[in-house]
Amino acid sequence: MSQTTLHEVAIGYLLAHQAEHLTHDRHHLIGRCAQHLQEHGATTERAHIVALQALGEVDTRATKAHVELTHCTSFAVFVVDPVTRARIAFTAADLIRLAREHAARHEAMATTH
């Protein structure tokens, strides 16, 4: 299956099933989407990548936020604020720190529920 078709399948799956998952359950939604993509012939690794790419698109549709790829490098990612149109730069180290903080918050939420 082509990359475009896999992406469309993932978008469709996420739109159909996202209401079944609360914010703290996003990891499970990604896993289910990836499993669905594997059923369509994707490898495990490819399925997870496409599921995450699709989640990024679905998650930001309402805000119109986007990554400005023309300025990104392996070490810095530029996100455009949809309100101010300002570029916000995140280093790879910033993203790792934010991901760890995010995971820690969601682990704490999961243990209190």
C-alpha atoms as a PDB file:
ATOM      1  CA  MET A   1       0.000   0.000   0.000  1.00  0.00           C
ATOM      2  CA  SER A   2       1.346   3.453  -0.869  1.00  0.00           C
ATOM      3  CA  GLN A   3       2.364   6.020   1.744  1.00  0.00           C
ATOM      4  CA  THR A   4      -0.506   8.318   0.728  1.00  0.00           C
ATOM      5  CA  THR A   5      -3.071   5.544   1.025  1.00  0.00           C
ATOM      6  CA  LEU A   6      -1.726   4.459   4.419  1.00  0.00           C
ATOM      7  CA  HIS A   7      -1.893   8.049   5.599  1.00  0.00           C
ATOM      8  CA  GLU A   8      -5.507   8.337   4.403  1.00  0.00           C
ATOM      9  CA  VAL A   9      -6.397   5.056   6.149  1.00  0.00           C
ATOM     10  CA  ALA A  10      -4.787   6.334   9.353  1.00  0.00           C
ATOM     11  CA  ILE A  11      -6.602   9.687   9.175  1.00  0.00           C
ATOM     12  CA  GLY A  12      -9.897   7.891   8.622  1.00  0.00           C
ATOM     13  CA  TYR A  13      -9.254   5.539  11.520  1.00  0.00           C
ATOM     14  CA  LEU A  14      -8.315   8.352  13.904  1.00  0.00           C
ATOM     15  CA  LEU A  15     -11.315  10.476  12.949  1.00  0.00           C
ATOM     16  CA  ALA A  16     -13.627   7.510  13.424  1.00  0.00           C
ATOM     17  CA  HIS A  17     -12.158   6.434  16.763  1.00  0.00           C
ATOM     18  CA  GLN A  18     -10.690   9.489  18.494  1.00  0.00           C
ATOM     19  CA  ALA A  19     -13.854  10.128  20.508  1.00  0.00           C
ATOM     20  CA  GLU A  20     -13.399   6.704  22.116  1.00  0.00           C
ATOM     21  CA  HIS A  21     -10.194   7.866  23.791  1.00  0.00           C
ATOM     22  CA  LEU A  22      -9.596  10.569  26.318  1.00  0.00           C
ATOM     23  CA  THR A  23      -6.479  12.738  26.060  1.00  0.00           C
ATOM     24  CA  HIS A  24      -4.539  10.583  28.523  1.00  0.00           C
ATOM     25  CA  ASP A  25      -5.371   7.520  26.395  1.00  0.00           C
ATOM     26  CA  ARG A  26      -3.739   8.850  23.216  1.00  0.00           C
ATOM     27  CA  HIS A  27      -1.014   6.207  23.368  1.00  0.00           C
ATOM     28  CA  HIS A  28      -3.670   3.490  23.148  1.00  0.00           C
ATOM     29  CA  LEU A  29      -5.349   5.221  20.184  1.00  0.00           C
ATOM     30  CA  ILE A  30      -2.013   5.359  18.335  1.00  0.00           C
ATOM     31  CA  GLY A  31      -1.415   1.682  19.073  1.00  0.00           C
ATOM     32  CA  ARG A  32      -4.857   0.702  17.792  1.00  0.00           C
ATOM     33  CA  CYS A  33      -4.371   2.813  14.660  1.00  0.00           C
ATOM     34  CA  ALA A  34      -0.963   1.235  14.031  1.00  0.00           C
ATOM     35  CA  GLN A  35      -2.469  -2.233  14.443  1.00  0.00           C
ATOM     36  CA  HIS A  36      -5.169  -1.293  11.923  1.00  0.00           C
ATOM     37  CA  LEU A  37      -2.474  -0.155   9.465  1.00  0.00           C
ATOM     38  CA  GLN A  38      -0.616  -3.449   9.938  1.00  0.00           C
ATOM     39  CA  GLU A  39      -3.809  -5.226   8.949  1.00  0.00           C
ATOM     40  CA  HIS A  40      -3.557  -3.218   5.719  1.00  0.00           C
ATOM     41  CA  GLY A  41      -0.040  -4.516   5.088  1.00  0.00           C
ATOM     42  CA  ALA A  42       2.198  -1.965   6.814  1.00  0.00           C
ATOM     43  CA  THR A  43       5.206  -3.118   8.829  1.00  0.00           C
ATOM     44  CA  THR A  44       5.120  -2.466  12.572  1.00  0.00           C
ATOM     45  CA  GLU A  45       7.593   0.407  12.339  1.00  0.00           C
ATOM     46  CA  ARG A  46       5.908   2.004   9.317  1.00  0.00           C
ATOM     47  CA  ALA A  47       2.471   1.668  10.925  1.00  0.00           C
ATOM     48  CA  HIS A  48       3.579   3.515  14.073  1.00  0.00           C
ATOM     49  CA  ILE A  49       5.224   6.305  12.088  1.00  0.00           C
ATOM     50  CA  VAL A  50       2.175   6.807   9.858  1.00  0.00           C
ATOM     51  CA  ALA A  51      -0.161   6.675  12.879  1.00  0.00           C
ATOM     52  CA  LEU A  52       1.849   9.397  14.616  1.00  0.00           C
ATOM     53  CA  GLN A  53       1.989  11.533  11.459  1.00  0.00           C
ATOM     54  CA  ALA A  54      -1.769  11.214  11.057  1.00  0.00           C
ATOM     55  CA  LEU A  55      -2.339  12.069  14.718  1.00  0.00           C
ATOM     56  CA  GLY A  56      -0.264  15.207  14.250  1.00  0.00           C
ATOM     57  CA  GLU A  57      -2.456  16.258  11.353  1.00  0.00           C
ATOM     58  CA  VAL A  58      -5.757  15.453  13.074  1.00  0.00           C
ATOM     59  CA  ASP A  59      -4.632  17.050  16.338  1.00  0.00           C
ATOM     60  CA  THR A  60      -3.698  20.386  14.746  1.00  0.00           C
ATOM     61  CA  ARG A  61      -6.473  20.750  12.170  1.00  0.00           C
ATOM     62  CA  ALA A  62      -8.540  22.969  14.450  1.00  0.00           C
ATOM     63  CA  THR A  63      -5.651  25.301  15.309  1.00  0.00           C
ATOM     64  CA  LYS A  64      -3.948  25.531  11.913  1.00  0.00           C
ATOM     65  CA  ALA A  65      -0.600  25.301  13.700  1.00  0.00           C
ATOM     66  CA  HIS A  66       2.126  23.760  11.591  1.00  0.00           C
ATOM     67  CA  VAL A  67       5.806  22.947  11.441  1.00  0.00           C
ATOM     68  CA  GLU A  68       7.687  25.114   8.964  1.00  0.00           C
ATOM     69  CA  LEU A  69       9.795  22.462   7.253  1.00  0.00           C
ATOM     70  CA  THR A  70      11.884  24.857   5.171  1.00  0.00           C
ATOM     71  CA  HIS A  71      13.734  26.053   8.280  1.00  0.00           C
ATOM     72  CA  CYS A  72      13.952  22.800  10.245  1.00  0.00           C
ATOM     73  CA  THR A  73      17.149  20.857  10.744  1.00  0.00           C
ATOM     74  CA  SER A  74      17.913  17.655  12.595  1.00  0.00           C
ATOM     75  CA  PHE A  75      18.499  19.801  15.679  1.00  0.00           C
ATOM     76  CA  ALA A  76      15.799  22.524  15.499  1.00  0.00           C
ATOM     77  CA  VAL A  77      12.107  22.463  14.631  1.00  0.00           C
ATOM     78  CA  PHE A  78      10.197  25.638  13.786  1.00  0.00           C
ATOM     79  CA  VAL A  79       6.494  25.818  14.607  1.00  0.00           C
ATOM     80  CA  VAL A  80       4.343  28.670  13.322  1.00  0.00           C
ATOM     81  CA  ASP A  81       1.926  30.143  15.872  1.00  0.00           C
ATOM     82  CA  PRO A  82      -1.418  30.299  14.032  1.00  0.00           C
ATOM     83  CA  VAL A  83      -2.528  33.460  15.867  1.00  0.00           C
ATOM     84  CA  THR A  84       0.584  35.639  15.756  1.00  0.00           C
ATOM     85  CA  ARG A  85       2.262  33.911  12.778  1.00  0.00           C
ATOM     86  CA  ALA A  86       5.492  34.009  14.818  1.00  0.00           C
ATOM     87  CA  ARG A  87       8.031  31.214  14.414  1.00  0.00           C
ATOM     88  CA  ILE A  88       8.791  29.333  17.588  1.00  0.00           C
ATOM     89  CA  ALA A  89      11.981  27.264  17.580  1.00  0.00           C
ATOM     90  CA  PHE A  90      12.445  24.069  19.574  1.00  0.00           C
ATOM     91  CA  THR A  91      15.789  22.336  19.781  1.00  0.00           C
ATOM     92  CA  ALA A  92      15.949  18.552  19.869  1.00  0.00           C
ATOM     93  CA  ALA A  93      16.872  18.865  23.556  1.00  0.00           C
ATOM     94  CA  ASP A  94      13.765  21.046  24.151  1.00  0.00           C
ATOM     95  CA  LEU A  95      11.555  18.421  22.504  1.00  0.00           C
ATOM     96  CA  ILE A  96      13.001  15.565  24.562  1.00  0.00           C
ATOM     97  CA  ARG A  97      12.486  17.570  27.759  1.00  0.00           C
ATOM     98  CA  LEU A  98       8.891  18.433  26.779  1.00  0.00           C
ATOM     99  CA  ALA A  99       8.150  14.813  25.844  1.00  0.00           C
ATOM    100  CA  ARG A 100       9.463  13.566  29.196  1.00  0.00           C
ATOM    101  CA  GLU A 101       7.450  16.196  31.090  1.00  0.00           C
ATOM    102  CA  HIS A 102       4.344  15.290  29.085  1.00  0.00           C
ATOM    103  CA  ALA A 103       4.814  11.571  29.757  1.00  0.00           C
ATOM    104  CA  ALA A 104       5.349  12.199  33.467  1.00  0.00           C
ATOM    105  CA  ARG A 105       2.156  14.300  33.703  1.00  0.00           C
ATOM    106  CA  HIS A 106       0.123  11.639  31.926  1.00  0.00           C
ATOM    107  CA  GLU A 107       1.572   8.843  34.062  1.00  0.00           C
ATOM    108  CA  ALA A 108       0.600  10.823  37.156  1.00  0.00           C
ATOM    109  CA  MET A 109      -2.932  11.353  35.759  1.00  0.00           C
ATOM    110  CA  ALA A 110      -3.268   7.649  34.963  1.00  0.00           C
ATOM    111  CA  THR A 111      -2.285   6.612  38.482  1.00  0.00           C
ATOM    112  CA  THR A 112      -4.773   9.010  40.097  1.00  0.00           C
ATOM    113  CA  HIS A 113      -7.726   7.754  38.014  1.00  0.00           C
END
